[in-house]
Amino acid sequence: MVELVERIEQSLEGVEADKKVIQKLRYAKKNWRKGPFRSSNFHYNPERNCFYCPMGQAMRHIGDRKQKTTNGFEQTISRYQAQNCEGCPLRGSCHKASGERIIEINLF
Protein backbone atom coordinates (compact mmCIF):
# COMPACT_ATOMS: atom_id res chain seq x y z
CA MET A 1 0.00 0.00 0.00
CA VAL A 2 2.74 2.47 0.95
CA GLU A 3 4.60 1.82 -2.30
CA LEU A 4 1.41 2.35 -4.32
CA VAL A 5 0.71 5.66 -2.59
CA GLU A 6 4.29 6.82 -3.22
CA ARG A 7 4.03 5.94 -6.93
CA ILE A 8 0.74 7.84 -7.22
CA GLU A 9 2.22 10.87 -5.44
CA GLN A 10 5.21 10.83 -7.84
CA SER A 11 2.92 10.66 -10.87
CA LEU A 12 0.97 13.69 -9.55
CA GLU A 13 4.08 15.89 -9.17
CA GLY A 14 3.65 19.01 -11.24
CA VAL A 15 0.00 18.23 -11.95
CA GLU A 16 -2.88 20.17 -10.46
CA ALA A 17 -4.68 17.29 -8.75
CA ASP A 18 -7.76 17.38 -6.61
CA LYS A 19 -6.65 18.46 -3.11
CA LYS A 20 -9.05 16.03 -1.44
CA VAL A 21 -7.52 13.08 -3.33
CA ILE A 22 -3.99 14.08 -2.32
CA GLN A 23 -5.08 14.40 1.32
CA LYS A 24 -6.61 10.92 1.26
CA LEU A 25 -3.44 9.47 -0.29
CA ARG A 26 -1.29 11.08 2.38
CA TYR A 27 -3.69 9.83 5.05
CA ALA A 28 -3.43 6.27 3.72
CA LYS A 29 0.38 6.44 3.61
CA LYS A 30 0.75 7.97 7.06
CA ASN A 31 -1.69 5.65 8.79
CA TRP A 32 -0.75 2.30 7.29
CA ARG A 33 -0.74 -0.29 10.04
CA LYS A 34 -1.09 -4.03 10.11
CA GLY A 35 -4.65 -5.34 10.01
CA PRO A 36 -6.80 -5.67 6.89
CA PHE A 37 -9.95 -4.53 8.72
CA ARG A 38 -8.64 -1.13 9.80
CA SER A 39 -10.46 1.52 7.81
CA SER A 40 -7.17 3.34 7.18
CA ASN A 41 -6.02 0.28 5.20
CA PHE A 42 -9.05 0.13 2.88
CA HIS A 43 -8.43 0.99 -0.78
CA TYR A 44 -9.79 4.37 -1.93
CA ASN A 45 -11.06 5.00 -5.48
CA PRO A 46 -11.02 8.77 -6.16
CA GLU A 47 -13.01 8.52 -9.42
CA ARG A 48 -15.96 6.91 -7.62
CA ASN A 49 -15.30 8.54 -4.22
CA CYS A 50 -15.61 5.20 -2.46
CA PHE A 51 -13.55 2.84 -0.34
CA TYR A 52 -13.34 -0.93 -0.80
CA CYS A 53 -13.56 -3.37 2.10
CA PRO A 54 -11.25 -6.43 2.31
CA MET A 55 -13.86 -8.47 0.37
CA GLY A 56 -13.79 -5.90 -2.45
CA GLN A 57 -17.23 -4.43 -1.75
CA ALA A 58 -17.62 -0.74 -2.55
CA MET A 59 -18.39 1.48 0.41
CA ARG A 60 -20.23 4.55 -0.86
CA HIS A 61 -19.90 8.06 0.56
CA ILE A 62 -22.93 8.80 2.74
CA GLY A 63 -22.00 12.26 3.96
CA ASP A 64 -19.69 14.45 5.97
CA ARG A 65 -19.88 15.80 9.47
CA LYS A 66 -17.96 18.53 11.28
CA GLN A 67 -16.27 17.91 14.61
CA LYS A 68 -14.32 20.22 16.88
CA THR A 69 -11.26 18.97 18.70
CA THR A 70 -10.57 19.85 22.32
CA ASN A 71 -8.29 22.69 21.17
CA GLY A 72 -10.99 24.15 18.89
CA PHE A 73 -9.78 22.89 15.51
CA GLU A 74 -12.65 21.96 13.19
CA GLN A 75 -12.31 18.62 11.37
CA THR A 76 -14.32 17.23 8.47
CA ILE A 77 -15.16 13.57 8.94
CA SER A 78 -16.24 11.73 5.77
CA ARG A 79 -18.51 8.70 6.26
CA TYR A 80 -18.63 5.66 3.96
CA GLN A 81 -21.03 2.72 4.26
CA ALA A 82 -20.86 -0.85 2.94
CA GLN A 83 -23.85 -2.02 0.91
CA ASN A 84 -24.22 -5.66 1.89
CA CYS A 85 -22.41 -7.07 4.93
CA GLU A 86 -25.03 -9.75 5.56
CA GLY A 87 -23.65 -13.17 4.69
CA CYS A 88 -20.06 -11.94 4.30
CA PRO A 89 -17.61 -14.61 5.52
CA LEU A 90 -15.36 -11.90 7.02
CA ARG A 91 -18.10 -10.02 8.86
CA GLY A 92 -17.19 -11.39 12.31
CA SER A 93 -13.62 -10.15 11.92
CA CYS A 94 -14.59 -6.90 10.22
CA HIS A 95 -17.26 -5.57 12.60
CA LYS A 96 -19.68 -6.71 15.26
CA ALA A 97 -22.44 -4.08 14.97
CA SER A 98 -25.81 -4.81 13.44
CA GLY A 99 -26.38 -3.41 9.97
CA GLU A 100 -23.78 -2.44 7.41
CA ARG A 101 -20.30 -1.28 8.37
CA ILE A 102 -19.68 2.46 8.37
CA ILE A 103 -16.17 3.89 8.37
CA GLU A 104 -15.22 7.45 9.21
CA ILE A 105 -12.19 9.10 7.64
CA ASN A 106 -10.73 12.35 8.99
CA LEU A 107 -9.60 14.59 6.14
CA PHE A 108 -7.92 17.10 8.52
C-alpha atoms as a PDB file:
ATOM      1  CA  MET A   1       0.000   0.000   0.000  1.00  0.00           C
ATOM      2  CA  VAL A   2       2.740   2.470   0.955  1.00  0.00           C
ATOM      3  CA  GLU A   3       4.603   1.821  -2.301  1.00  0.00           C
ATOM      4  CA  LEU A   4       1.410   2.351  -4.325  1.00  0.00           C
ATOM      5  CA  VAL A   5       0.713   5.663  -2.594  1.00  0.00           C
ATOM      6  CA  GLU A   6       4.287   6.819  -3.220  1.00  0.00           C
ATOM      7  CA  ARG A   7       4.032   5.941  -6.933  1.00  0.00           C
ATOM      8  CA  ILE A   8       0.741   7.838  -7.222  1.00  0.00           C
ATOM      9  CA  GLU A   9       2.224  10.873  -5.444  1.00  0.00           C
ATOM     10  CA  GLN A  10       5.209  10.830  -7.841  1.00  0.00           C
ATOM     11  CA  SER A  11       2.916  10.662 -10.875  1.00  0.00           C
ATOM     12  CA  LEU A  12       0.973  13.688  -9.550  1.00  0.00           C
ATOM     13  CA  GLU A  13       4.078  15.885  -9.174  1.00  0.00           C
ATOM     14  CA  GLY A  14       3.655  19.014 -11.241  1.00  0.00           C
ATOM     15  CA  VAL A  15       0.004  18.230 -11.950  1.00  0.00           C
ATOM     16  CA  GLU A  16      -2.876  20.169 -10.460  1.00  0.00           C
ATOM     17  CA  ALA A  17      -4.679  17.293  -8.751  1.00  0.00           C
ATOM     18  CA  ASP A  18      -7.755  17.384  -6.612  1.00  0.00           C
ATOM     19  CA  LYS A  19      -6.652  18.465  -3.114  1.00  0.00           C
ATOM     20  CA  LYS A  20      -9.048  16.031  -1.443  1.00  0.00           C
ATOM     21  CA  VAL A  21      -7.524  13.080  -3.329  1.00  0.00           C
ATOM     22  CA  ILE A  22      -3.992  14.079  -2.324  1.00  0.00           C
ATOM     23  CA  GLN A  23      -5.077  14.403   1.323  1.00  0.00           C
ATOM     24  CA  LYS A  24      -6.605  10.917   1.255  1.00  0.00           C
ATOM     25  CA  LEU A  25      -3.445   9.467  -0.285  1.00  0.00           C
ATOM     26  CA  ARG A  26      -1.293  11.083   2.384  1.00  0.00           C
ATOM     27  CA  TYR A  27      -3.687   9.834   5.047  1.00  0.00           C
ATOM     28  CA  ALA A  28      -3.431   6.269   3.723  1.00  0.00           C
ATOM     29  CA  LYS A  29       0.376   6.436   3.605  1.00  0.00           C
ATOM     30  CA  LYS A  30       0.751   7.972   7.060  1.00  0.00           C
ATOM     31  CA  ASN A  31      -1.694   5.654   8.793  1.00  0.00           C
ATOM     32  CA  TRP A  32      -0.753   2.298   7.292  1.00  0.00           C
ATOM     33  CA  ARG A  33      -0.744  -0.288  10.036  1.00  0.00           C
ATOM     34  CA  LYS A  34      -1.093  -4.033  10.111  1.00  0.00           C
ATOM     35  CA  GLY A  35      -4.646  -5.335  10.008  1.00  0.00           C
ATOM     36  CA  PRO A  36      -6.796  -5.670   6.891  1.00  0.00           C
ATOM     37  CA  PHE A  37      -9.950  -4.527   8.718  1.00  0.00           C
ATOM     38  CA  ARG A  38      -8.636  -1.125   9.802  1.00  0.00           C
ATOM     39  CA  SER A  39     -10.464   1.518   7.807  1.00  0.00           C
ATOM     40  CA  SER A  40      -7.172   3.342   7.184  1.00  0.00           C
ATOM     41  CA  ASN A  41      -6.021   0.282   5.199  1.00  0.00           C
ATOM     42  CA  PHE A  42      -9.049   0.131   2.881  1.00  0.00           C
ATOM     43  CA  HIS A  43      -8.428   0.987  -0.777  1.00  0.00           C
ATOM     44  CA  TYR A  44      -9.793   4.367  -1.935  1.00  0.00           C
ATOM     45  CA  ASN A  45     -11.060   5.000  -5.482  1.00  0.00           C
ATOM     46  CA  PRO A  46     -11.021   8.768  -6.161  1.00  0.00           C
ATOM     47  CA  GLU A  47     -13.007   8.523  -9.417  1.00  0.00           C
ATOM     48  CA  ARG A  48     -15.957   6.906  -7.620  1.00  0.00           C
ATOM     49  CA  ASN A  49     -15.297   8.541  -4.224  1.00  0.00           C
ATOM     50  CA  CYS A  50     -15.609   5.203  -2.458  1.00  0.00           C
ATOM     51  CA  PHE A  51     -13.555   2.837  -0.343  1.00  0.00           C
ATOM     52  CA  TYR A  52     -13.339  -0.927  -0.797  1.00  0.00           C
ATOM     53  CA  CYS A  53     -13.560  -3.370   2.098  1.00  0.00           C
ATOM     54  CA  PRO A  54     -11.246  -6.428   2.314  1.00  0.00           C
ATOM     55  CA  MET A  55     -13.861  -8.472   0.370  1.00  0.00           C
ATOM     56  CA  GLY A  56     -13.792  -5.903  -2.450  1.00  0.00           C
ATOM     57  CA  GLN A  57     -17.228  -4.434  -1.750  1.00  0.00           C
ATOM     58  CA  ALA A  58     -17.618  -0.742  -2.552  1.00  0.00           C
ATOM     59  CA  MET A  59     -18.391   1.483   0.411  1.00  0.00           C
ATOM     60  CA  ARG A  60     -20.232   4.553  -0.858  1.00  0.00           C
ATOM     61  CA  HIS A  61     -19.904   8.059   0.559  1.00  0.00           C
ATOM     62  CA  ILE A  62     -22.932   8.798   2.745  1.00  0.00           C
ATOM     63  CA  GLY A  63     -22.005  12.257   3.957  1.00  0.00           C
ATOM     64  CA  ASP A  64     -19.687  14.455   5.973  1.00  0.00           C
ATOM     65  CA  ARG A  65     -19.882  15.801   9.467  1.00  0.00           C
ATOM     66  CA  LYS A  66     -17.964  18.529  11.278  1.00  0.00           C
ATOM     67  CA  GLN A  67     -16.274  17.905  14.605  1.00  0.00           C
ATOM     68  CA  LYS A  68     -14.318  20.219  16.876  1.00  0.00           C
ATOM     69  CA  THR A  69     -11.258  18.969  18.695  1.00  0.00           C
ATOM     70  CA  THR A  70     -10.571  19.849  22.324  1.00  0.00           C
ATOM     71  CA  ASN A  71      -8.289  22.693  21.165  1.00  0.00           C
ATOM     72  CA  GLY A  72     -10.992  24.155  18.893  1.00  0.00           C
ATOM     73  CA  PHE A  73      -9.776  22.886  15.514  1.00  0.00           C
ATOM     74  CA  GLU A  74     -12.651  21.958  13.194  1.00  0.00           C
ATOM     75  CA  GLN A  75     -12.305  18.622  11.369  1.00  0.00           C
ATOM     76  CA  THR A  76     -14.317  17.231   8.473  1.00  0.00           C
ATOM     77  CA  ILE A  77     -15.160  13.571   8.939  1.00  0.00           C
ATOM     78  CA  SER A  78     -16.243  11.725   5.770  1.00  0.00           C
ATOM     79  CA  ARG A  79     -18.510   8.696   6.256  1.00  0.00           C
ATOM     80  CA  TYR A  80     -18.634   5.656   3.959  1.00  0.00           C
ATOM     81  CA  GLN A  81     -21.032   2.716   4.257  1.00  0.00           C
ATOM     82  CA  ALA A  82     -20.863  -0.848   2.938  1.00  0.00           C
ATOM     83  CA  GLN A  83     -23.852  -2.020   0.911  1.00  0.00           C
ATOM     84  CA  ASN A  84     -24.220  -5.662   1.890  1.00  0.00           C
ATOM     85  CA  CYS A  85     -22.407  -7.073   4.932  1.00  0.00           C
ATOM     86  CA  GLU A  86     -25.027  -9.749   5.558  1.00  0.00           C
ATOM     87  CA  GLY A  87     -23.649 -13.168   4.690  1.00  0.00           C
ATOM     88  CA  CYS A  88     -20.064 -11.936   4.300  1.00  0.00           C
ATOM     89  CA  PRO A  89     -17.613 -14.613   5.518  1.00  0.00           C
ATOM     90  CA  LEU A  90     -15.364 -11.895   7.018  1.00  0.00           C
ATOM     91  CA  ARG A  91     -18.102 -10.020   8.862  1.00  0.00           C
ATOM     92  CA  GLY A  92     -17.193 -11.391  12.314  1.00  0.00           C
ATOM     93  CA  SER A  93     -13.620 -10.155  11.923  1.00  0.00           C
ATOM     94  CA  CYS A  94     -14.590  -6.897  10.222  1.00  0.00           C
ATOM     95  CA  HIS A  95     -17.263  -5.569  12.602  1.00  0.00           C
ATOM     96  CA  LYS A  96     -19.679  -6.707  15.264  1.00  0.00           C
ATOM     97  CA  ALA A  97     -22.439  -4.084  14.971  1.00  0.00           C
ATOM     98  CA  SER A  98     -25.814  -4.812  13.439  1.00  0.00           C
ATOM     99  CA  GLY A  99     -26.376  -3.411   9.973  1.00  0.00           C
ATOM    100  CA  GLU A 100     -23.776  -2.436   7.406  1.00  0.00           C
ATOM    101  CA  ARG A 101     -20.299  -1.284   8.368  1.00  0.00           C
ATOM    102  CA  ILE A 102     -19.678   2.459   8.370  1.00  0.00           C
ATOM    103  CA  ILE A 103     -16.175   3.894   8.372  1.00  0.00           C
ATOM    104  CA  GLU A 104     -15.224   7.453   9.206  1.00  0.00           C
ATOM    105  CA  ILE A 105     -12.190   9.101   7.637  1.00  0.00           C
ATOM    106  CA  ASN A 106     -10.729  12.347   8.986  1.00  0.00           C
ATOM    107  CA  LEU A 107      -9.605  14.588   6.141  1.00  0.00           C
ATOM    108  CA  PHE A 108      -7.922  17.104   8.517  1.00  0.00           C
END
